[in-house]
Protein backbone atom coordinates (compact mmCIF):
# COMPACT_ATOMS: atom_id res chain seq x y z
CA MET A 1 -4.37 -21.08 1.29
CA CYS A 2 -4.46 -17.71 -0.46
CA SER A 3 -7.71 -16.81 0.80
CA SER A 4 -7.12 -18.05 4.17
CA ALA A 5 -3.83 -16.11 4.37
CA LEU A 6 -5.66 -12.71 3.12
CA VAL A 7 -8.28 -13.25 5.94
CA VAL A 8 -5.37 -13.36 8.36
CA ALA A 9 -3.91 -10.14 6.87
CA ALA A 10 -7.45 -8.36 7.06
CA ALA A 11 -7.84 -9.33 10.52
CA GLY A 12 -4.58 -7.78 11.75
CA LEU A 13 -5.48 -4.65 9.96
CA ILE A 14 -8.62 -4.47 11.32
CA LEU A 15 -7.40 -5.36 14.80
CA THR A 16 -4.79 -2.52 14.60
CA ASN A 17 -7.31 0.00 13.74
CA PRO A 18 -10.30 -0.90 15.93
CA ASP A 19 -12.29 2.43 14.58
CA ILE A 20 -12.25 1.10 11.05
CA ALA A 21 -16.01 0.85 11.01
CA THR A 22 -16.29 4.78 12.09
CA ASN A 23 -13.55 5.98 9.74
CA ALA A 24 -14.38 9.75 9.14
CA TRP A 25 -13.63 10.06 5.41
CA LEU A 26 -16.19 7.09 4.69
CA GLY A 27 -18.81 8.44 7.04
CA ASP A 28 -21.72 5.76 7.06
CA ASP A 29 -20.19 3.67 4.29
CA ALA A 30 -17.41 2.69 6.56
CA SER A 31 -19.25 -0.13 8.44
CA VAL A 32 -21.31 -1.16 5.25
CA LEU A 33 -17.90 -1.74 3.31
CA LEU A 34 -16.26 -3.55 6.25
CA ALA A 35 -19.57 -5.91 6.18
CA LEU A 36 -19.19 -6.31 2.42
CA SER A 37 -15.29 -7.21 2.65
CA VAL A 38 -16.37 -9.59 5.60
CA VAL A 39 -18.93 -11.27 3.17
CA PHE A 40 -16.45 -11.40 0.26
CA PHE A 41 -14.20 -13.28 2.53
CA GLY A 42 -16.52 -15.73 3.44
CA LEU A 43 -17.57 -16.49 -0.19
CA ALA A 44 -13.90 -16.68 -1.18
CA MET A 45 -13.32 -19.59 1.36
CA VAL A 46 -16.17 -21.45 -0.42
CA PRO A 47 -13.83 -23.20 -3.13
CA PHE A 48 -11.36 -24.54 -0.17
CA VAL A 49 -14.48 -25.79 1.88
CA VAL A 50 -15.74 -27.62 -1.06
CA GLY A 51 -12.47 -28.87 -2.23
CA LYS A 52 -11.47 -30.14 1.30
CA LYS A 53 -14.76 -32.30 1.41
CA ASN A 54 -13.73 -33.81 -2.00
CA GLY A 55 -10.13 -34.85 -0.98
CA PRO A 56 -6.89 -33.24 -0.66
CA ILE A 57 -6.89 -29.52 -2.27
CA ASP A 58 -4.93 -29.38 -5.53
CA TRP A 59 -3.51 -25.54 -4.58
CA PHE A 60 -2.78 -24.81 -8.54
CA ALA A 61 -6.35 -25.50 -9.50
CA VAL A 62 -7.67 -22.55 -11.29
CA ILE A 63 -10.61 -21.59 -8.82
CA TYR A 64 -8.15 -21.22 -5.78
CA VAL A 65 -5.95 -18.99 -7.48
CA MET A 66 -8.77 -17.00 -8.74
CA ALA A 67 -10.60 -17.17 -5.04
CA GLY A 68 -7.25 -15.56 -3.70
CA ALA A 69 -6.91 -12.81 -6.29
CA TYR A 70 -10.46 -11.43 -5.99
CA ALA A 71 -9.79 -11.70 -2.23
CA LEU A 72 -6.91 -9.76 -2.35
CA ASN A 73 -7.72 -7.00 -5.10
CA PHE A 74 -11.45 -6.42 -3.60
CA ALA A 75 -12.08 -7.57 0.00
CA LEU A 76 -8.66 -6.99 1.37
CA ARG A 77 -8.11 -3.76 -0.73
CA ALA A 78 -11.25 -2.24 0.79
CA VAL A 79 -9.95 -2.93 4.35
CA TYR A 80 -6.54 -1.49 3.29
CA LEU A 81 -8.19 1.47 2.04
CA MET A 82 -10.20 1.98 4.89
CA THR A 83 -7.23 1.90 7.39
CA THR A 84 -5.07 3.89 5.10
CA GLY A 85 -7.19 6.19 2.81
CA VAL A 86 -4.45 6.10 0.18
CA PRO A 87 -5.90 6.97 -3.32
CA ILE A 88 -4.36 5.63 -6.93
CA GLY A 89 -5.49 8.85 -8.86
CA ILE A 90 -6.24 12.32 -8.80
CA PHE A 91 -10.19 11.68 -9.09
CA ALA A 92 -12.25 11.16 -5.70
CA TYR A 93 -14.18 7.76 -5.94
CA TRP A 94 -14.70 6.82 -2.35
CA ASP A 95 -18.63 7.68 -2.53
CA THR A 96 -18.73 4.53 -5.17
CA LEU A 97 -16.74 2.08 -3.25
CA VAL A 98 -19.63 0.26 -1.66
CA GLU A 99 -21.46 0.18 -4.93
CA ALA A 100 -18.61 -1.30 -6.92
CA LEU A 101 -17.67 -3.84 -4.26
CA THR A 102 -21.30 -4.93 -4.01
CA TYR A 103 -21.06 -5.35 -7.75
CA VAL A 104 -18.00 -7.44 -7.51
CA LEU A 105 -19.47 -9.76 -5.13
CA LEU A 106 -22.26 -10.26 -7.18
CA GLY A 107 -20.15 -11.24 -10.05
CA PHE A 108 -17.73 -13.24 -8.02
CA GLY A 109 -20.85 -15.45 -6.40
CA ALA A 110 -21.88 -15.96 -10.40
CA MET A 111 -18.36 -16.92 -11.27
CA LEU A 112 -18.61 -19.71 -8.36
CA LEU A 113 -21.92 -20.91 -9.86
CA GLY A 114 -20.27 -21.00 -13.37
CA TYR A 115 -17.44 -23.08 -11.97
CA TYR A 116 -19.46 -25.45 -10.19
CA ALA A 117 -21.98 -26.00 -12.80
CA ALA A 118 -21.59 -29.35 -14.69
CA PHE A 119 -21.11 -27.83 -18.03
CA GLY A 120 -17.31 -27.04 -17.94
CA ASP A 121 -16.74 -30.37 -16.54
CA ARG A 122 -18.70 -32.40 -19.10
CA VAL A 123 -17.09 -30.14 -22.20
CA ALA A 124 -13.85 -31.55 -20.78
CA LYS A 125 -14.95 -34.91 -20.54
CA TRP A 126 -16.30 -34.79 -23.93
CA LEU A 127 -13.46 -33.52 -25.77
CA PRO A 128 -10.95 -35.85 -26.80
CA SER A 129 -7.08 -36.36 -25.99
CA PHE A 130 -4.70 -35.47 -28.67
CA ASN A 131 -1.53 -37.24 -29.41
CA LEU A 132 0.77 -34.78 -27.90
CA LYS A 133 3.49 -37.15 -26.26
CA TRP A 134 6.61 -35.54 -25.53
CA GLN A 135 10.12 -36.27 -27.55
CA SER A 136 11.85 -39.08 -25.78
CA SER A 137 14.97 -37.12 -25.39
CA PRO A 138 14.54 -33.68 -26.33
CA SER A 139 18.11 -32.21 -27.62
CA LEU A 140 19.49 -29.68 -25.37
CA GLY A 141 21.15 -27.69 -28.37
CA LYS A 142 17.73 -27.32 -30.08
CA VAL A 143 16.12 -26.09 -26.71
CA ALA A 144 19.15 -23.80 -25.93
CA ILE A 145 18.69 -22.19 -29.37
CA LEU A 146 15.11 -21.50 -28.72
CA TYR A 147 15.86 -19.79 -25.51
CA ILE A 148 18.59 -17.54 -27.21
CA ILE A 149 15.88 -16.39 -29.80
CA GLY A 150 13.44 -15.42 -26.89
CA PHE A 151 16.32 -13.90 -24.71
CA GLY A 152 17.69 -11.97 -27.97
CA THR A 153 13.95 -10.64 -28.69
CA ARG A 154 13.62 -9.42 -24.94
CA TYR A 155 16.86 -7.73 -25.57
CA LEU A 156 15.34 -6.11 -28.88
CA LEU A 157 12.25 -5.39 -27.22
CA SER A 158 14.34 -3.70 -24.24
CA LEU A 159 15.96 -1.12 -26.66
CA GLU A 160 12.45 0.51 -27.52
CA VAL A 161 13.29 0.65 -31.42
CA VAL A 162 10.69 -1.57 -32.72
CA SER A 163 7.69 -0.30 -34.36
CA VAL A 164 4.55 -1.03 -32.84
CA THR A 165 3.36 -2.60 -36.27
CA PHE A 166 5.93 -5.57 -35.53
CA MET A 167 5.61 -5.74 -31.86
CA TYR A 168 2.89 -8.51 -32.30
CA TYR A 169 5.78 -10.94 -33.59
CA LEU A 170 8.42 -9.87 -31.27
CA VAL A 171 6.43 -10.15 -27.97
CA ALA A 172 5.26 -13.93 -29.03
CA LEU A 173 8.92 -14.69 -29.85
CA SER A 174 10.07 -13.46 -26.41
CA GLN A 175 7.77 -15.95 -24.66
CA LEU A 176 10.16 -18.58 -25.68
CA THR A 177 12.54 -17.92 -22.54
CA SER A 178 9.74 -18.68 -20.09
CA PHE A 179 8.79 -21.91 -22.59
CA VAL A 180 12.41 -23.04 -22.35
CA LEU A 181 12.57 -22.63 -18.58
CA ALA A 182 9.42 -24.79 -17.63
CA ILE A 183 10.70 -27.40 -20.26
CA SER A 184 14.20 -27.50 -18.47
CA ILE A 185 12.68 -27.50 -15.08
CA ILE A 186 10.31 -30.47 -16.25
CA ASN A 187 13.32 -32.54 -17.61
CA ALA A 188 15.50 -31.69 -14.53
CA LEU A 189 12.65 -33.14 -12.33
CA VAL A 190 11.52 -36.21 -14.18
CA SER A 191 14.22 -37.14 -16.80
CA SER A 192 15.62 -40.71 -16.15
CA LYS A 193 18.71 -39.85 -17.73
CA ASN A 194 20.70 -36.63 -18.54
CA ARG A 195 18.92 -35.28 -15.62
CA GLY A 196 22.25 -33.56 -14.15
CA MET A 197 22.62 -32.13 -17.57
CA TRP A 198 19.17 -30.31 -17.39
CA ARG A 199 19.55 -29.30 -13.70
CA ALA A 200 22.72 -27.37 -14.77
CA PHE A 201 20.93 -25.85 -17.79
CA VAL A 202 18.19 -24.39 -15.32
CA LEU A 203 20.88 -23.20 -13.15
CA VAL A 204 22.24 -21.27 -16.14
CA LEU A 205 18.80 -20.07 -16.97
CA LEU A 206 18.13 -18.69 -13.65
CA PRO A 207 20.41 -15.75 -13.56
CA LEU A 208 19.46 -14.99 -17.15
CA GLN A 209 15.96 -14.72 -15.92
CA LEU A 210 16.90 -12.50 -13.08
CA PHE A 211 19.02 -10.46 -15.23
CA TYR A 212 16.16 -9.83 -17.45
CA ALA A 213 13.74 -9.19 -14.57
CA LEU A 214 16.11 -6.40 -13.12
CA VAL A 215 17.53 -4.79 -16.23
CA TRP A 216 14.85 -4.84 -18.68
CA SER A 217 11.70 -5.48 -17.21
CA SER A 218 9.72 -3.29 -14.99
CA SER A 219 7.11 -6.15 -14.04
CA LYS A 220 7.46 -7.91 -10.60
CA PHE A 221 6.14 -11.19 -12.17
CA ALA A 222 9.45 -11.49 -13.97
CA LEU A 223 10.89 -12.23 -10.72
CA ILE A 224 8.00 -14.49 -9.52
CA GLU A 225 7.52 -16.48 -12.79
CA PRO A 226 10.76 -19.00 -12.31
CA LEU A 227 9.48 -19.67 -8.82
CA TYR A 228 5.96 -20.23 -9.84
CA ILE A 229 6.91 -22.51 -12.68
CA PHE A 230 9.28 -24.51 -10.33
CA LEU A 231 6.43 -24.95 -7.56
CA ILE A 232 3.67 -26.07 -10.12
CA CYS A 233 6.18 -28.48 -11.90
CA TYR A 234 7.19 -29.93 -8.43
CA HIS A 235 3.51 -30.01 -7.24
CA TYR A 236 2.37 -32.27 -10.12
CA LEU A 237 5.43 -34.28 -10.87
CA LYS A 238 7.00 -34.99 -7.78
CA VAL A 239 5.15 -34.28 -4.30
CA ARG A 240 1.96 -32.24 -3.83
CA LEU A 241 3.12 -29.07 -1.82
CA SER A 242 1.75 -28.88 1.47
CA PHE A 243 0.22 -25.83 3.04
CA LYS A 244 3.50 -24.94 4.84
CA MET A 245 5.17 -24.78 1.49
CA PHE A 246 2.54 -22.49 0.29
CA VAL A 247 3.05 -20.14 3.12
CA LEU A 248 6.92 -20.17 2.64
CA ALA A 249 6.49 -19.25 -1.10
CA ALA A 250 3.74 -16.52 -0.17
CA LEU A 251 6.32 -15.18 2.28
CA ILE A 252 9.17 -14.98 -0.31
CA ILE A 253 6.88 -12.98 -2.88
CA VAL A 254 5.35 -10.87 -0.20
CA GLY A 255 8.19 -10.52 2.15
CA VAL A 256 11.36 -10.31 -0.38
CA VAL A 257 10.29 -9.91 -4.01
CA PHE A 258 7.51 -7.14 -4.18
CA PRO A 259 9.50 -5.09 -1.56
CA VAL A 260 12.94 -5.40 -2.67
CA SER A 261 11.79 -4.91 -6.36
CA SER A 262 9.70 -1.95 -5.32
CA VAL A 263 12.47 -0.20 -3.78
CA TYR A 264 14.78 -1.11 -6.69
CA ARG A 265 12.37 0.25 -9.32
CA TYR A 266 12.52 4.06 -7.95
CA GLN A 267 16.59 3.78 -7.81
CA PRO A 268 17.96 6.49 -10.41
CA PRO A 269 17.52 4.65 -13.98
CA GLY A 270 20.94 6.15 -15.33
CA ALA A 271 22.96 4.34 -12.63
CA ASP A 272 24.52 0.68 -13.56
CA THR A 273 22.81 -2.34 -12.31
CA LEU A 274 25.41 -2.97 -9.56
CA THR A 275 24.82 0.31 -8.30
CA ARG A 276 21.17 0.29 -8.24
CA ILE A 277 21.23 -3.24 -6.40
CA THR A 278 23.46 -1.63 -3.69
CA ASN A 279 21.67 1.37 -2.98
CA THR A 280 18.62 -0.81 -2.91
CA MET A 281 20.10 -2.85 -0.09
CA GLU A 282 21.19 0.38 1.65
CA ASP A 283 17.73 1.72 1.44
CA LEU A 284 16.10 -1.51 2.85
CA LYS A 285 18.70 -1.34 5.64
CA ARG A 286 17.95 2.18 6.78
CA LYS A 287 14.51 1.51 7.03
CA GLY A 288 14.62 -1.31 9.83
CA TRP A 289 12.29 -3.87 10.38
CA GLN A 290 9.13 -1.75 11.06
CA GLY A 291 9.84 0.31 7.93
CA TYR A 292 10.40 -2.97 5.88
CA SER A 293 7.31 -4.49 7.25
CA GLY A 294 4.96 -1.56 6.13
CA LEU A 295 6.88 -1.37 2.97
CA ALA A 296 6.02 -5.32 2.07
CA LEU A 297 2.20 -4.42 2.85
CA ASP A 298 1.99 -1.26 0.77
CA ALA A 299 4.02 -3.00 -2.05
CA VAL A 300 1.44 -5.57 -2.34
CA MET A 301 -1.77 -3.36 -1.68
CA LYS A 302 -0.61 -0.39 -3.90
CA ARG A 303 -0.26 -2.83 -6.66
CA SER A 304 -3.75 -4.49 -5.98
CA HIS A 305 -6.16 -1.52 -6.81
CA LEU A 306 -8.52 -3.13 -8.84
CA LEU A 307 -11.59 -2.16 -6.41
CA ASP A 308 -10.37 1.42 -6.95
CA SER A 309 -10.86 0.57 -10.87
CA VAL A 310 -14.28 -0.60 -10.48
CA ALA A 311 -15.28 2.42 -8.06
CA LEU A 312 -13.90 4.66 -10.96
CA VAL A 313 -15.94 2.87 -13.68
CA VAL A 314 -18.91 3.06 -11.75
CA LYS A 315 -18.91 6.63 -10.82
CA TYR A 316 -17.87 7.88 -14.13
CA ASN A 317 -19.05 5.32 -16.86
CA LEU A 318 -21.94 6.57 -18.99
CA THR A 319 -24.91 4.28 -19.74
CA PRO A 320 -23.26 1.24 -21.48
CA ASP A 321 -23.77 0.49 -25.11
CA VAL A 322 -24.49 -3.25 -25.01
CA LEU A 323 -24.53 -3.91 -28.81
CA THR A 324 -21.07 -2.38 -28.95
CA GLY A 325 -19.53 -3.88 -26.18
CA ILE A 326 -20.55 -7.22 -27.40
CA GLY A 327 -19.19 -6.44 -30.61
CA GLU A 328 -15.77 -5.74 -29.00
CA TYR A 329 -15.93 -9.37 -27.43
CA LEU A 330 -16.84 -10.89 -30.67
CA ARG A 331 -13.47 -9.33 -32.44
CA ILE A 332 -11.42 -11.15 -29.74
CA PRO A 333 -10.12 -13.34 -32.37
CA LEU A 334 -9.17 -10.44 -34.39
CA TYR A 335 -7.18 -8.99 -31.56
CA ALA A 336 -5.50 -12.10 -31.13
CA PHE A 337 -4.21 -13.18 -34.49
CA LEU A 338 -4.35 -9.97 -36.86
CA PRO A 339 -1.24 -7.86 -36.72
CA ARG A 340 -1.26 -4.32 -36.73
CA PHE A 341 0.42 -4.54 -39.79
CA PHE A 342 -2.92 -5.53 -41.60
CA TRP A 343 -4.95 -3.45 -39.06
CA PRO A 344 -3.49 0.03 -38.70
CA GLU A 345 -6.35 1.08 -36.39
CA LYS A 346 -6.41 -1.63 -34.26
CA PRO A 347 -6.81 -0.18 -30.87
CA ILE A 348 -3.96 0.15 -28.27
CA GLY A 349 -3.83 -1.61 -25.07
CA GLN A 350 -7.50 -1.33 -22.97
CA SER A 351 -5.16 -0.54 -19.97
CA ILE A 352 -3.58 2.25 -21.43
CA LEU A 353 -6.68 3.55 -22.38
CA PHE A 354 -8.44 3.29 -19.07
CA GLY A 355 -5.56 4.97 -17.48
CA VAL A 356 -5.84 7.89 -20.01
CA ASP A 357 -10.00 8.22 -19.69
CA TYR A 358 -10.09 7.96 -15.95
CA LEU A 359 -7.04 9.09 -14.56
CA GLY A 360 -5.89 11.47 -16.87
CA THR A 361 -2.52 9.50 -17.42
CA ASN A 362 -0.47 10.59 -20.51
CA GLY A 363 -0.69 6.99 -21.93
CA GLY A 364 2.58 5.66 -20.59
CA VAL A 365 1.58 3.27 -17.85
CA ASN A 366 -1.02 0.45 -17.85
CA ILE A 367 -3.82 0.70 -15.21
CA GLY A 368 -6.07 -2.60 -14.81
CA VAL A 369 -9.68 -2.11 -14.91
CA SER A 370 -10.29 -5.77 -14.15
CA ASN A 371 -12.53 -8.03 -15.68
CA PRO A 372 -15.89 -7.31 -13.35
CA GLY A 373 -14.84 -3.46 -14.25
CA ASP A 374 -14.71 -4.18 -18.02
CA LEU A 375 -17.88 -6.15 -17.93
CA TYR A 376 -19.67 -3.51 -15.98
CA SER A 377 -18.54 -0.83 -18.33
CA LYS A 378 -19.62 -2.53 -21.11
CA LEU A 379 -22.63 -4.59 -20.24
CA GLY A 380 -23.72 -2.76 -17.09
CA LEU A 381 -24.41 -4.89 -14.19
CA SER A 382 -26.61 -8.02 -15.84
CA GLY A 383 -23.55 -8.46 -18.39
CA LEU A 384 -21.37 -8.39 -15.57
CA ILE A 385 -22.93 -11.22 -14.00
CA ILE A 386 -23.70 -13.22 -16.80
CA GLY A 387 -19.78 -12.62 -18.12
CA MET A 388 -18.64 -13.74 -14.67
CA PHE A 389 -20.62 -16.91 -14.82
CA VAL A 390 -19.14 -17.74 -18.39
CA LEU A 391 -15.64 -17.17 -16.85
CA GLY A 392 -16.43 -19.72 -14.23
CA LEU A 393 -17.37 -22.16 -16.95
CA ILE A 394 -13.98 -21.61 -18.72
CA TYR A 395 -12.06 -21.59 -15.51
CA ARG A 396 -13.52 -25.04 -14.59
CA PHE A 397 -13.09 -26.37 -18.49
CA VAL A 398 -9.38 -25.40 -18.38
CA TYR A 399 -8.52 -27.26 -14.99
CA GLU A 400 -10.75 -30.33 -15.72
CA TYR A 401 -9.11 -30.89 -19.04
CA PHE A 402 -5.32 -30.20 -18.92
CA ILE A 403 -5.10 -31.42 -15.42
CA VAL A 404 -7.87 -33.85 -14.15
CA LYS A 405 -8.52 -35.55 -17.32
CA HIS A 406 -4.41 -36.04 -18.00
CA LEU A 407 -3.03 -36.26 -14.49
CA GLY A 408 -3.32 -39.99 -13.94
CA SER A 409 -1.82 -40.52 -17.70
CA PRO A 410 1.74 -41.83 -18.19
CA LEU A 411 4.14 -39.05 -18.02
CA PRO A 412 4.91 -38.69 -21.80
CA GLY A 413 1.43 -38.20 -22.35
CA MET A 414 0.63 -35.75 -19.60
CA ILE A 415 3.38 -33.52 -19.63
CA PRO A 416 2.45 -31.69 -22.68
CA TYR A 417 -0.84 -30.78 -21.00
CA LEU A 418 0.74 -29.66 -17.91
CA PHE A 419 3.34 -27.48 -19.58
CA ILE A 420 0.34 -25.72 -21.47
CA TYR A 421 -1.60 -25.44 -18.08
CA ILE A 422 1.32 -23.61 -16.49
CA PHE A 423 1.25 -20.85 -18.81
CA VAL A 424 -2.42 -20.77 -19.27
CA LEU A 425 -2.89 -20.43 -15.49
CA GLU A 426 -0.54 -18.01 -15.49
CA GLN A 427 -2.40 -16.05 -18.24
CA LEU A 428 -5.69 -16.15 -16.40
CA TYR A 429 -4.28 -14.86 -13.61
CA LEU A 430 -2.57 -11.74 -15.41
CA GLY A 431 -5.76 -11.45 -17.54
CA PHE A 432 -8.11 -11.05 -14.78
CA GLU A 433 -6.83 -7.76 -14.16
CA THR A 434 -7.38 -6.37 -17.67
CA ALA A 435 -10.18 -5.93 -20.19
CA ILE A 436 -11.76 -9.38 -21.10
CA SER A 437 -10.87 -8.48 -24.86
CA THR A 438 -7.14 -7.77 -23.81
CA GLY A 439 -6.93 -10.73 -21.50
CA MET A 440 -8.70 -13.37 -23.80
CA SER A 441 -7.22 -12.34 -26.97
CA GLU A 442 -3.86 -12.68 -25.17
CA LEU A 443 -4.90 -16.34 -23.69
CA ILE A 444 -5.89 -17.55 -27.22
CA ARG A 445 -2.72 -16.19 -28.69
CA ARG A 446 -0.64 -17.79 -26.11
CA MET A 447 -2.50 -21.14 -26.68
CA PHE A 448 -1.67 -20.88 -30.02
CA PHE A 449 2.02 -20.62 -29.56
CA LEU A 450 1.96 -23.25 -26.79
CA ILE A 451 0.41 -25.81 -29.13
CA LEU A 452 2.78 -25.12 -31.71
CA PHE A 453 5.58 -25.70 -29.16
CA VAL A 454 4.60 -28.73 -27.87
CA LEU A 455 4.11 -29.95 -31.34
CA PHE A 456 7.72 -29.04 -32.26
CA LEU A 457 8.74 -31.10 -29.34
CA ARG A 458 6.25 -33.87 -29.68
CA ALA A 459 7.57 -37.54 -30.03
CA PRO A 460 7.11 -39.19 -33.84
CA SER A 461 3.92 -41.46 -33.49
CA ARG A 462 6.12 -44.65 -33.59
CA SER A 463 8.47 -43.76 -30.82
CA ALA A 464 8.23 -45.11 -27.14
CA PRO A 465 9.20 -42.22 -25.04
CA VAL A 466 7.92 -43.89 -21.58
CA GLY A 467 11.42 -45.05 -20.87
CA TYR A 468 12.58 -41.67 -20.69
CA PHE A 469 10.63 -40.55 -17.89
CA LYS A 470 11.29 -42.09 -14.25
């Protein structure tokens, strides 16, 4: 679905710019870049063709999400740059766009090979299931207390008064708000008793999540996450979502969330929230339909600049020190679990360093380097291909173990695995924009807290929670 919609978007850009292959500022590279983009789109459609042959497509399988993400950030981004010529930084990197897209295309092909290799599937079948059955009747009070802790932590983080040394703990606690929202939506969908209570609780949580996204967070994903959690829960617990429903969700995200949040973020920060919302609506109204549609496209594509990042790496990166790169990847568990309190020299976020090194930023903004860009900068082209193959193995294992292996189980046994998968999939998507060490260390840390959370709500071994679920 994602790749199909992106193909349509690319076709629209190409048809409205018939001279795209003779673009002046790209010269002879224009036709090559366009051809590579078409090949990339074709390769991104492979998972959907294979999935369709094997039965109904599971839109929330890791491979479909990642195929759409790569098609958006690399293939469609190339077409967008050819039609607009909009850079993301002060350095010129047009001359390495073709080389960058070629390398990513090779890496993406290696990722598909890793995904469809039998190894990830076999490991998932070999690894035993664990007794993680959900409690028969989770206490709403207990869940509400967890949400208050998470929401209070988010407020504390918004004040920007916490030392970097202790940020590790607060960021982890702030995730409780999303965890509680997922638990509440699950119970609102499948609880055979107290369903009305859980639905009412969800209606209380949604405005709080919206408040956080608008007032304290600068991330668009904070607005998207509640919709994502609801859709994936409904998809696996009630009725598989159709292609039309996914298109509708995509239109809401692209046509509403991105343009509205983009205009809102540029309102004067000193104004109160209501004034900023009012000014946002007035600004959008003045743009008219044509201006709004252009804003929606730009809001998505200006954020999807990972091709630019890889082009910068290819142009300015020195010959990689492979041993140093491997050493950094081996330190991923330390990045995940060793707080800065015990490791004062612990590196700051790789996305911040990338902006400083390649775009001359002051260290106050995150610029994604992407998994392929990070692999190339540390291990070279061969390391990029091997690393992407390994990522494909990981993607297959995650989907096979948490979804395929437990999807047919009784709800009390299946729901904890679904709960974990919701946030693992989320992190895999967010992590693909960052350096491998950043994304994977956050994934490991998140897995640790997810398992603790599931164990906290696990049913006693002698209980029989089956009757709680419909």
